[in-house]
Structures are given as C-alpha cells and as structure tokens.
PDB file of N, CA and C in Angstrom:
ATOM      1  N   MET A   1      37.223 143.974 140.986  1.00  0.00           N
ATOM      2  CA  MET A   1      38.422 144.460 140.135  1.00  0.00           C
ATOM      3  C   MET A   1      39.436 143.268 140.482  1.00  0.00           C
ATOM      4  N   ASN A   2      40.245 143.121 139.996  1.00  0.00           N
ATOM      5  CA  ASN A   2      41.516 142.256 139.766  1.00  0.00           C
ATOM      6  C   ASN A   2      42.806 142.964 139.854  1.00  0.00           C
ATOM      7  N   LEU A   3      43.240 143.467 140.966  1.00  0.00           N
ATOM      8  CA  LEU A   3      44.406 144.175 141.284  1.00  0.00           C
ATOM      9  C   LEU A   3      45.259 143.623 140.996  1.00  0.00           C
ATOM     10  N   SER A   4      45.515 142.084 141.048  1.00  0.00           N
ATOM     11  CA  SER A   4      47.075 141.855 140.747  1.00  0.00           C
ATOM     12  C   SER A   4      47.003 140.485 139.608  1.00  0.00           C
ATOM     13  N   THR A   5      48.141 140.217 139.305  1.00  0.00           N
ATOM     14  CA  THR A   5      47.738 138.496 138.012  1.00  0.00           C
ATOM     15  C   THR A   5      49.301 138.504 138.067  1.00  0.00           C
ATOM     16  N   TYR A   6      49.558 136.948 138.211  1.00  0.00           N
ATOM     17  CA  TYR A   6      50.423 136.453 138.442  1.00  0.00           C
ATOM     18  C   TYR A   6      50.729 135.339 137.275  1.00  0.00           C
ATOM     19  N   ARG A   7      51.510 135.188 136.501  1.00  0.00           N
ATOM     20  CA  ARG A   7      52.098 134.068 135.774  1.00  0.00           C
ATOM     21  C   ARG A   7      53.650 133.966 136.087  1.00  0.00           C
ATOM     22  N   ASN A   8      53.950 132.594 136.321  1.00  0.00           N
ATOM     23  CA  ASN A   8      55.303 132.234 136.942  1.00  0.00           C
ATOM     24  C   ASN A   8      56.340 131.520 135.171  1.00  0.00           C
ATOM     25  N   ASN A   9      57.396 132.619 135.185  1.00  0.00           N
ATOM     26  CA  ASN A   9      58.294 131.969 134.043  1.00  0.00           C
ATOM     27  C   ASN A   9      59.609 131.880 134.902  1.00  0.00           C
ATOM     28  N   THR A  10      60.403 131.035 133.691  1.00  0.00           N
ATOM     29  CA  THR A  10      61.617 130.547 134.564  1.00  0.00           C
ATOM     30  C   THR A  10      62.662 131.973 133.576  1.00  0.00           C
ATOM     31  N   ALA A  11      63.703 132.180 134.462  1.00  0.00           N
ATOM     32  CA  ALA A  11      64.441 133.214 134.524  1.00  0.00           C
ATOM     33  C   ALA A  11      65.960 132.240 133.609  1.00  0.00           C
ATOM     34  N   GLU A  12      66.933 132.733 132.906  1.00  0.00           N
ATOM     35  CA  GLU A  12      68.179 132.303 132.705  1.00  0.00           C
ATOM     36  C   GLU A  12      68.925 133.196 132.864  1.00  0.00           C
ATOM     37  N   ALA A  13      70.248 132.260 133.601  1.00  0.00           N
ATOM     38  CA  ALA A  13      71.038 133.434 134.340  1.00  0.00           C
ATOM     39  C   ALA A  13      71.406 134.549 133.461  1.00  0.00           C
ATOM     40  N   GLY A  14      71.594 135.553 133.508  1.00  0.00           N
ATOM     41  CA  GLY A  14      71.729 136.909 132.868  1.00  0.00           C
ATOM     42  C   GLY A  14      70.769 137.845 131.881  1.00  0.00           C
ATOM     43  N   LYS A  15      69.623 136.844 132.109  1.00  0.00           N
ATOM     44  CA  LYS A  15      68.577 137.283 131.088  1.00  0.00           C
ATOM     45  C   LYS A  15      67.092 138.213 131.639  1.00  0.00           C
ATOM     46  N   ILE A  16      67.120 139.173 131.325  1.00  0.00           N
ATOM     47  CA  ILE A  16      65.731 139.711 132.256  1.00  0.00           C
ATOM     48  C   ILE A  16      64.620 139.721 131.618  1.00  0.00           C
ATOM     49  N   THR A  17      63.604 139.021 132.248  1.00  0.00           N
ATOM     50  CA  THR A  17      62.260 138.370 131.717  1.00  0.00           C
ATOM     51  C   THR A  17      61.419 139.182 132.772  1.00  0.00           C
ATOM     52  N   PHE A  18      60.110 139.264 132.065  1.00  0.00           N
ATOM     53  CA  PHE A  18      59.090 140.240 133.124  1.00  0.00           C
ATOM     54  C   PHE A  18      58.019 138.808 132.585  1.00  0.00           C
ATOM     55  N   PRO A  19      57.560 138.188 133.883  1.00  0.00           N
ATOM     56  CA  PRO A  19      56.751 137.472 134.439  1.00  0.00           C
ATOM     57  C   PRO A  19      55.698 138.180 134.214  1.00  0.00           C
ATOM     58  N   ILE A  20      54.159 137.816 134.316  1.00  0.00           N
ATOM     59  CA  ILE A  20      53.132 138.868 134.649  1.00  0.00           C
ATOM     60  C   ILE A  20      52.713 138.785 136.182  1.00  0.00           C
ATOM     61  N   LEU A  21      53.389 140.115 136.490  1.00  0.00           N
ATOM     62  CA  LEU A  21      52.919 140.311 137.653  1.00  0.00           C
ATOM     63  C   LEU A  21      53.006 141.816 137.914  1.00  0.00           C
ATOM     64  N   GLN A  22      52.046 141.709 138.318  1.00  0.00           N
ATOM     65  CA  GLN A  22      51.563 143.105 138.479  1.00  0.00           C
ATOM     66  C   GLN A  22      50.580 143.498 139.373  1.00  0.00           C
ATOM     67  N   CYS A  23      50.539 144.875 140.269  1.00  0.00           N
ATOM     68  CA  CYS A  23      49.503 145.546 141.228  1.00  0.00           C
ATOM     69  C   CYS A  23      49.445 147.222 140.712  1.00  0.00           C
ATOM     70  N   TRP A  24      48.517 147.317 141.513  1.00  0.00           N
ATOM     71  CA  TRP A  24      48.526 148.916 141.748  1.00  0.00           C
ATOM     72  C   TRP A  24      48.196 149.139 143.463  1.00  0.00           C
ATOM     73  N   ASN A  25      48.738 150.405 143.180  1.00  0.00           N
ATOM     74  CA  ASN A  25      48.571 150.862 144.822  1.00  0.00           C
ATOM     75  C   ASN A  25      47.397 151.782 144.931  1.00  0.00           C
ATOM     76  N   PRO A  26      46.472 151.998 145.347  1.00  0.00           N
ATOM     77  CA  PRO A  26      46.001 153.298 145.384  1.00  0.00           C
ATOM     78  C   PRO A  26      46.112 154.171 145.813  1.00  0.00           C
ATOM     79  N   LEU A  27      46.940 154.231 147.464  1.00  0.00           N
ATOM     80  CA  LEU A  27      47.385 155.309 147.936  1.00  0.00           C
ATOM     81  C   LEU A  27      48.161 155.643 147.782  1.00  0.00           C
ATOM     82  N   THR A  28      49.238 155.312 146.831  1.00  0.00           N
ATOM     83  CA  THR A  28      50.319 156.096 146.302  1.00  0.00           C
ATOM     84  C   THR A  28      50.293 155.973 144.438  1.00  0.00           C
ATOM     85  N   LYS A  29      49.054 155.647 144.450  1.00  0.00           N
ATOM     86  CA  LYS A  29      49.070 155.835 142.970  1.00  0.00           C
ATOM     87  C   LYS A  29      50.020 155.122 141.737  1.00  0.00           C
ATOM     88  N   VAL A  30      50.588 154.127 142.314  1.00  0.00           N
ATOM     89  CA  VAL A  30      51.388 153.572 141.699  1.00  0.00           C
ATOM     90  C   VAL A  30      51.314 152.121 141.050  1.00  0.00           C
ATOM     91  N   ALA A  31      51.652 152.057 139.480  1.00  0.00           N
ATOM     92  CA  ALA A  31      51.940 150.557 139.629  1.00  0.00           C
ATOM     93  C   ALA A  31      52.675 150.065 139.507  1.00  0.00           C
ATOM     94  N   THR A  32      53.205 148.924 139.558  1.00  0.00           N
ATOM     95  CA  THR A  32      54.489 147.720 139.750  1.00  0.00           C
ATOM     96  C   THR A  32      54.086 146.694 138.861  1.00  0.00           C
ATOM     97  N   ILE A  33      55.430 146.544 137.944  1.00  0.00           N
ATOM     98  CA  ILE A  33      55.170 145.416 136.987  1.00  0.00           C
ATOM     99  C   ILE A  33      56.741 144.776 137.638  1.00  0.00           C
ATOM    100  N   ALA A  34      56.856 143.544 137.456  1.00  0.00           N
ATOM    101  CA  ALA A  34      57.749 142.490 138.047  1.00  0.00           C
ATOM    102  C   ALA A  34      58.922 142.333 136.865  1.00  0.00           C
ATOM    103  N   ALA A  35      60.424 142.546 137.382  1.00  0.00           N
ATOM    104  CA  ALA A  35      60.937 142.084 136.511  1.00  0.00           C
ATOM    105  C   ALA A  35      62.063 140.854 137.214  1.00  0.00           C
ATOM    106  N   GLN A  36      62.247 139.899 135.957  1.00  0.00           N
ATOM    107  CA  GLN A  36      62.888 138.645 137.145  1.00  0.00           C
ATOM    108  C   GLN A  36      64.561 139.127 136.280  1.00  0.00           C
ATOM    109  N   VAL A  37      65.559 139.297 137.444  1.00  0.00           N
ATOM    110  CA  VAL A  37      67.112 139.169 136.937  1.00  0.00           C
ATOM    111  C   VAL A  37      68.026 138.779 137.373  1.00  0.00           C
ATOM    112  N   GLU A  38      68.779 137.600 136.567  1.00  0.00           N
ATOM    113  CA  GLU A  38      69.274 136.500 137.329  1.00  0.00           C
ATOM    114  C   GLU A  38      68.703 135.983 138.858  1.00  0.00           C
ATOM    115  N   GLY A  39      67.730 135.702 138.328  1.00  0.00           N
ATOM    116  CA  GLY A  39      66.800 135.027 139.477  1.00  0.00           C
ATOM    117  C   GLY A  39      66.881 135.812 140.451  1.00  0.00           C
ATOM    118  N   LYS A  40      66.627 137.418 140.622  1.00  0.00           N
ATOM    119  CA  LYS A  40      66.325 138.033 141.851  1.00  0.00           C
ATOM    120  C   LYS A  40      64.969 138.853 140.941  1.00  0.00           C
ATOM    121  N   ARG A  41      64.264 139.146 141.644  1.00  0.00           N
ATOM    122  CA  ARG A  41      63.290 140.275 141.671  1.00  0.00           C
ATOM    123  C   ARG A  41      63.095 141.450 141.544  1.00  0.00           C
ATOM    124  N   VAL A  42      62.971 142.170 140.718  1.00  0.00           N
ATOM    125  CA  VAL A  42      63.174 143.819 140.642  1.00  0.00           C
ATOM    126  C   VAL A  42      61.844 144.487 140.242  1.00  0.00           C
ATOM    127  N   SER A  43      61.059 145.171 141.324  1.00  0.00           N
ATOM    128  CA  SER A  43      60.196 145.969 141.098  1.00  0.00           C
ATOM    129  C   SER A  43      59.964 147.121 140.595  1.00  0.00           C
ATOM    130  N   CYS A  44      59.448 147.378 139.160  1.00  0.00           N
ATOM    131  CA  CYS A  44      60.002 148.244 138.271  1.00  0.00           C
ATOM    132  C   CYS A  44      57.945 149.394 138.341  1.00  0.00           C
ATOM    133  N   ARG A  45      58.548 150.072 139.215  1.00  0.00           N
ATOM    134  CA  ARG A  45      57.416 151.405 138.934  1.00  0.00           C
ATOM    135  C   ARG A  45      57.154 152.651 138.554  1.00  0.00           C
ATOM    136  N   ILE A  46      55.884 152.711 137.936  1.00  0.00           N
ATOM    137  CA  ILE A  46      55.123 153.653 136.956  1.00  0.00           C
ATOM    138  C   ILE A  46      54.467 154.488 137.568  1.00  0.00           C
ATOM    139  N   SER A  47      54.359 155.844 138.296  1.00  0.00           N
ATOM    140  CA  SER A  47      53.288 156.431 138.658  1.00  0.00           C
ATOM    141  C   SER A  47      52.062 156.469 137.397  1.00  0.00           C
ATOM    142  N   TYR A  48      50.783 157.105 138.358  1.00  0.00           N
ATOM    143  CA  TYR A  48      49.745 157.282 137.528  1.00  0.00           C
ATOM    144  C   TYR A  48      49.976 158.467 136.774  1.00  0.00           C
ATOM    145  N   ALA A  49      50.411 159.263 136.989  1.00  0.00           N
ATOM    146  CA  ALA A  49      50.959 160.705 136.312  1.00  0.00           C
ATOM    147  C   ALA A  49      51.512 160.127 135.198  1.00  0.00           C
ATOM    148  N   VAL A  50      52.715 159.425 135.063  1.00  0.00           N
ATOM    149  CA  VAL A  50      52.964 159.385 133.746  1.00  0.00           C
ATOM    150  C   VAL A  50      52.742 158.396 133.218  1.00  0.00           C
ATOM    151  N   LEU A  51      51.627 157.610 133.651  1.00  0.00           N
ATOM    152  CA  LEU A  51      50.627 156.504 132.913  1.00  0.00           C
ATOM    153  C   LEU A  51      49.094 157.702 132.015  1.00  0.00           C
ATOM    154  N   GLN A  52      49.023 158.060 132.580  1.00  0.00           N
ATOM    155  CA  GLN A  52      47.883 159.211 132.419  1.00  0.00           C
ATOM    156  C   GLN A  52      48.923 160.494 131.485  1.00  0.00           C
ATOM    157  N   LYS A  53      49.771 161.285 131.348  1.00  0.00           N
ATOM    158  CA  LYS A  53      50.151 161.708 130.397  1.00  0.00           C
ATOM    159  C   LYS A  53      50.743 160.724 129.351  1.00  0.00           C
ATOM    160  N   LYS A  54      51.434 159.701 129.517  1.00  0.00           N
ATOM    161  CA  LYS A  54      52.444 159.461 128.315  1.00  0.00           C
ATOM    162  C   LYS A  54      51.034 158.093 127.418  1.00  0.00           C
ATOM    163  N   PHE A  55      49.935 157.329 128.274  1.00  0.00           N
ATOM    164  CA  PHE A  55      48.733 156.668 127.643  1.00  0.00           C
ATOM    165  C   PHE A  55      47.724 156.913 127.958  1.00  0.00           C
ATOM    166  N   HIS A  56      47.322 158.202 128.472  1.00  0.00           N
ATOM    167  CA  HIS A  56      46.200 158.441 128.964  1.00  0.00           C
ATOM    168  C   HIS A  56      45.438 157.756 129.674  1.00  0.00           C
ATOM    169  N   ALA A  57      46.211 157.147 130.583  1.00  0.00           N
ATOM    170  CA  ALA A  57      44.978 156.324 131.377  1.00  0.00           C
ATOM    171  C   ALA A  57      43.883 156.635 131.992  1.00  0.00           C
ATOM    172  N   SER A  58      42.793 155.816 132.691  1.00  0.00           N
ATOM    173  CA  SER A  58      41.710 156.612 133.491  1.00  0.00           C
ATOM    174  C   SER A  58      42.092 156.139 134.795  1.00  0.00           C
ATOM    175  N   ALA A  59      41.613 157.017 135.315  1.00  0.00           N
ATOM    176  CA  ALA A  59      41.550 157.362 136.874  1.00  0.00           C
ATOM    177  C   ALA A  59      40.691 155.986 137.779  1.00  0.00           C
ATOM    178  N   GLU A  60      39.453 155.638 136.818  1.00  0.00           N
ATOM    179  CA  GLU A  60      39.147 154.252 137.530  1.00  0.00           C
ATOM    180  C   GLU A  60      39.637 153.075 137.043  1.00  0.00           C
ATOM    181  N   ILE A  61      40.655 152.706 136.008  1.00  0.00           N
ATOM    182  CA  ILE A  61      41.021 151.646 135.621  1.00  0.00           C
ATOM    183  C   ILE A  61      42.103 151.839 135.222  1.00  0.00           C
ATOM    184  N   PRO A  62      43.396 152.133 135.932  1.00  0.00           N
ATOM    185  CA  PRO A  62      44.658 152.675 135.734  1.00  0.00           C
ATOM    186  C   PRO A  62      45.639 151.514 135.177  1.00  0.00           C
ATOM    187  N   MET A  63      45.106 150.233 135.469  1.00  0.00           N
ATOM    188  CA  MET A  63      45.841 149.176 135.271  1.00  0.00           C
ATOM    189  C   MET A  63      45.640 148.520 133.791  1.00  0.00           C
ATOM    190  N   LEU A  64      44.820 149.263 133.181  1.00  0.00           N
ATOM    191  CA  LEU A  64      44.335 148.806 131.843  1.00  0.00           C
ATOM    192  C   LEU A  64      45.364 149.545 130.910  1.00  0.00           C
ATOM    193  N   ALA A  65      46.037 150.712 131.468  1.00  0.00           N
ATOM    194  CA  ALA A  65      46.879 151.322 130.733  1.00  0.00           C
ATOM    195  C   ALA A  65      48.432 150.402 130.726  1.00  0.00           C
ATOM    196  N   ILE A  66      48.563 149.305 131.739  1.00  0.00           N
ATOM    197  CA  ILE A  66      49.699 148.964 131.786  1.00  0.00           C
ATOM    198  C   ILE A  66      49.414 147.666 130.844  1.00  0.00           C
ATOM    199  N   THR A  67      48.139 146.980 130.932  1.00  0.00           N
ATOM    200  CA  THR A  67      47.650 145.771 130.323  1.00  0.00           C
ATOM    201  C   THR A  67      48.096 145.831 128.826  1.00  0.00           C
ATOM    202  N   GLN A  68      47.549 147.325 128.160  1.00  0.00           N
ATOM    203  CA  GLN A  68      47.647 147.676 126.781  1.00  0.00           C
ATOM    204  C   GLN A  68      48.581 147.997 126.471  1.00  0.00           C
ATOM    205  N   ASN A  69      49.526 148.761 127.441  1.00  0.00           N
ATOM    206  CA  ASN A  69      51.242 149.078 126.612  1.00  0.00           C
ATOM    207  C   ASN A  69      52.178 148.108 127.728  1.00  0.00           C
ATOM    208  N   ARG A  70      52.502 147.268 127.846  1.00  0.00           N
ATOM    209  CA  ARG A  70      53.441 146.887 128.573  1.00  0.00           C
ATOM    210  C   ARG A  70      54.294 146.304 127.678  1.00  0.00           C
ATOM    211  N   PRO A  71      54.446 146.464 126.421  1.00  0.00           N
ATOM    212  CA  PRO A  71      55.585 146.316 125.695  1.00  0.00           C
ATOM    213  C   PRO A  71      56.511 147.490 125.630  1.00  0.00           C
ATOM    214  N   ALA A  72      55.701 148.499 125.671  1.00  0.00           N
ATOM    215  CA  ALA A  72      56.869 149.875 125.618  1.00  0.00           C
ATOM    216  C   ALA A  72      57.178 150.105 127.214  1.00  0.00           C
ATOM    217  N   ILE A  73      56.152 149.378 128.155  1.00  0.00           N
ATOM    218  CA  ILE A  73      56.503 149.780 129.719  1.00  0.00           C
ATOM    219  C   ILE A  73      57.484 148.679 129.646  1.00  0.00           C
ATOM    220  N   GLU A  74      57.861 147.399 129.249  1.00  0.00           N
ATOM    221  CA  GLU A  74      58.954 146.345 129.870  1.00  0.00           C
ATOM    222  C   GLU A  74      60.267 146.628 128.862  1.00  0.00           C
ATOM    223  N   ILE A  75      60.181 147.551 127.843  1.00  0.00           N
ATOM    224  CA  ILE A  75      61.216 147.720 127.125  1.00  0.00           C
ATOM    225  C   ILE A  75      62.139 149.243 127.859  1.00  0.00           C
ATOM    226  N   ALA A  76      61.084 149.934 128.498  1.00  0.00           N
ATOM    227  CA  ALA A  76      61.935 151.370 129.192  1.00  0.00           C
ATOM    228  C   ALA A  76      62.158 150.508 130.215  1.00  0.00           C
ATOM    229  N   ALA A  77      61.664 149.513 131.025  1.00  0.00           N
ATOM    230  CA  ALA A  77      62.567 148.908 131.945  1.00  0.00           C
ATOM    231  C   ALA A  77      63.926 148.244 132.313  1.00  0.00           C
ATOM    232  N   ARG A  78      63.643 147.509 130.745  1.00  0.00           N
ATOM    233  CA  ARG A  78      64.425 146.729 130.424  1.00  0.00           C
ATOM    234  C   ARG A  78      66.055 147.856 130.369  1.00  0.00           C
ATOM    235  N   LYS A  79      65.515 148.777 129.709  1.00  0.00           N
ATOM    236  CA  LYS A  79      67.047 149.703 129.304  1.00  0.00           C
ATOM    237  C   LYS A  79      67.492 150.197 130.889  1.00  0.00           C
ATOM    238  N   LEU A  80      65.985 150.446 131.546  1.00  0.00           N
ATOM    239  CA  LEU A  80      67.143 150.875 133.142  1.00  0.00           C
ATOM    240  C   LEU A  80      67.689 149.763 134.025  1.00  0.00           C
ATOM    241  N   ILE A  81      67.060 148.721 133.928  1.00  0.00           N
ATOM    242  CA  ILE A  81      68.165 147.589 134.517  1.00  0.00           C
ATOM    243  C   ILE A  81      69.396 147.480 133.446  1.00  0.00           C
ATOM    244  N   GLU A  82      69.168 147.332 132.860  1.00  0.00           N
ATOM    245  CA  GLU A  82      70.929 147.026 131.787  1.00  0.00           C
ATOM    246  C   GLU A  82      71.763 148.202 132.178  1.00  0.00           C
ATOM    247  N   ASN A  83      70.987 149.522 132.637  1.00  0.00           N
ATOM    248  CA  ASN A  83      72.251 150.727 132.760  1.00  0.00           C
ATOM    249  C   ASN A  83      72.487 151.016 134.165  1.00  0.00           C
ATOM    250  N   LYS A  84      71.740 150.088 135.120  1.00  0.00           N
ATOM    251  CA  LYS A  84      71.880 149.894 136.271  1.00  0.00           C
ATOM    252  C   LYS A  84      71.250 151.103 136.980  1.00  0.00           C
ATOM    253  N   VAL A  85      70.246 151.547 136.869  1.00  0.00           N
ATOM    254  CA  VAL A  85      69.738 153.011 136.970  1.00  0.00           C
ATOM    255  C   VAL A  85      68.366 152.550 138.299  1.00  0.00           C
ATOM    256  N   TYR A  86      69.073 152.063 139.291  1.00  0.00           N
ATOM    257  CA  TYR A  86      68.271 151.411 140.504  1.00  0.00           C
ATOM    258  C   TYR A  86      68.027 152.149 141.805  1.00  0.00           C
ATOM    259  N   GLU A  87      67.113 152.706 142.176  1.00  0.00           N
ATOM    260  CA  GLU A  87      66.446 153.058 143.312  1.00  0.00           C
ATOM    261  C   GLU A  87      66.968 152.651 144.449  1.00  0.00           C
ATOM    262  N   ALA A  88      67.093 153.033 145.720  1.00  0.00           N
ATOM    263  CA  ALA A  88      68.325 152.476 146.739  1.00  0.00           C
ATOM    264  C   ALA A  88      67.282 151.408 147.135  1.00  0.00           C
ATOM    265  N   ASP A  89      65.629 151.025 147.073  1.00  0.00           N
ATOM    266  CA  ASP A  89      65.474 150.089 147.757  1.00  0.00           C
ATOM    267  C   ASP A  89      65.666 148.636 146.697  1.00  0.00           C
ATOM    268  N   GLY A  90      66.592 149.080 145.439  1.00  0.00           N
ATOM    269  CA  GLY A  90      66.465 147.771 144.553  1.00  0.00           C
ATOM    270  C   GLY A  90      65.720 148.195 143.629  1.00  0.00           C
ATOM    271  N   SER A  91      64.509 148.773 143.462  1.00  0.00           N
ATOM    272  CA  SER A  91      63.246 148.871 142.483  1.00  0.00           C
ATOM    273  C   SER A  91      64.163 150.023 141.205  1.00  0.00           C
ATOM    274  N   ILE A  92      63.146 150.120 140.635  1.00  0.00           N
ATOM    275  CA  ILE A  92      63.394 151.154 139.226  1.00  0.00           C
ATOM    276  C   ILE A  92      62.490 151.778 139.319  1.00  0.00           C
ATOM    277  N   VAL A  93      62.587 152.648 138.450  1.00  0.00           N
ATOM    278  CA  VAL A  93      61.080 153.972 138.386  1.00  0.00           C
ATOM    279  C   VAL A  93      60.922 154.527 137.312  1.00  0.00           C
ATOM    280  N   ILE A  94      60.118 154.404 136.325  1.00  0.00           N
ATOM    281  CA  ILE A  94      59.749 154.221 134.990  1.00  0.00           C
ATOM    282  C   ILE A  94      59.322 155.861 134.783  1.00  0.00           C
ATOM    283  N   GLN A  95      59.785 156.685 134.372  1.00  0.00           N
ATOM    284  CA  GLN A  95      59.770 158.311 133.705  1.00  0.00           C
ATOM    285  C   GLN A  95      59.186 158.504 132.638  1.00  0.00           C
ATOM    286  N   TYR A  96      58.374 159.707 132.524  1.00  0.00           N
ATOM    287  CA  TYR A  96      57.948 159.717 130.976  1.00  0.00           C
ATOM    288  C   TYR A  96      59.218 159.717 130.155  1.00  0.00           C
ATOM    289  N   LYS A  97      60.365 160.622 130.568  1.00  0.00           N
ATOM    290  CA  LYS A  97      61.238 160.618 129.747  1.00  0.00           C
ATOM    291  C   LYS A  97      61.855 159.280 129.215  1.00  0.00           C
ATOM    292  N   ASP A  98      61.688 158.137 130.044  1.00  0.00           N
ATOM    293  CA  ASP A  98      62.153 157.004 129.467  1.00  0.00           C
ATOM    294  C   ASP A  98      61.308 155.988 128.713  1.00  0.00           C
ATOM    295  N   LEU A  99      59.788 156.517 128.174  1.00  0.00           N
ATOM    296  CA  LEU A  99      58.864 155.529 127.603  1.00  0.00           C
ATOM    297  C   LEU A  99      59.116 156.575 126.447  1.00  0.00           C
TER     298      LEU A  99
END
C-alpha cells in the first residue's frame, strides 16, 4: 500500500497551494496533507475519527477518504490558514466543525 505521494508545485508569494503530498500515520491514526504558504510548508492534520464521521472512511484504507474528498479538506485547511488557526508546532488541525 502506498502511504504517501508527492508532486511538486511552485507557490507564489502570499498564495496558498496544496502540493499532492499526503501521508498516514497508523500509530496516531492521523492523515496529513501539505499546504505551501508563502514558501513554507504547513502540515494540515485530520484524525481518522473525523474522516470516519464526515466521510465514512474505512479503517483498512483511510487515505481513500482523503483522496476522494480532497477539495473539501483543502477548503477547510485554507480557511484555517487564512484565519491563522495554527497549533504551537505551526501545523493546523482540521476538525469536524471545519468541514
């Protein structure tokens, strides 16, 4: 099973882009997609619990929910980034209420 994928996109200053970079952490049960914000990478995390509740993600292939619902997840991530709702480590956490 391919746990991560990557495609490089160039980011313009002030623009938020989402390169196709995503991974699954089976220990924490958290999916992460990347955002590129003013040349810096921001990790956008979403838990399996949220993926299951919102998108009916399967335990066997949780990243399928990310792939199938990526536009909605990116919109939620963009809003959190624009509103500067960062965690202490510089990442953002997408919750059910954000989707």
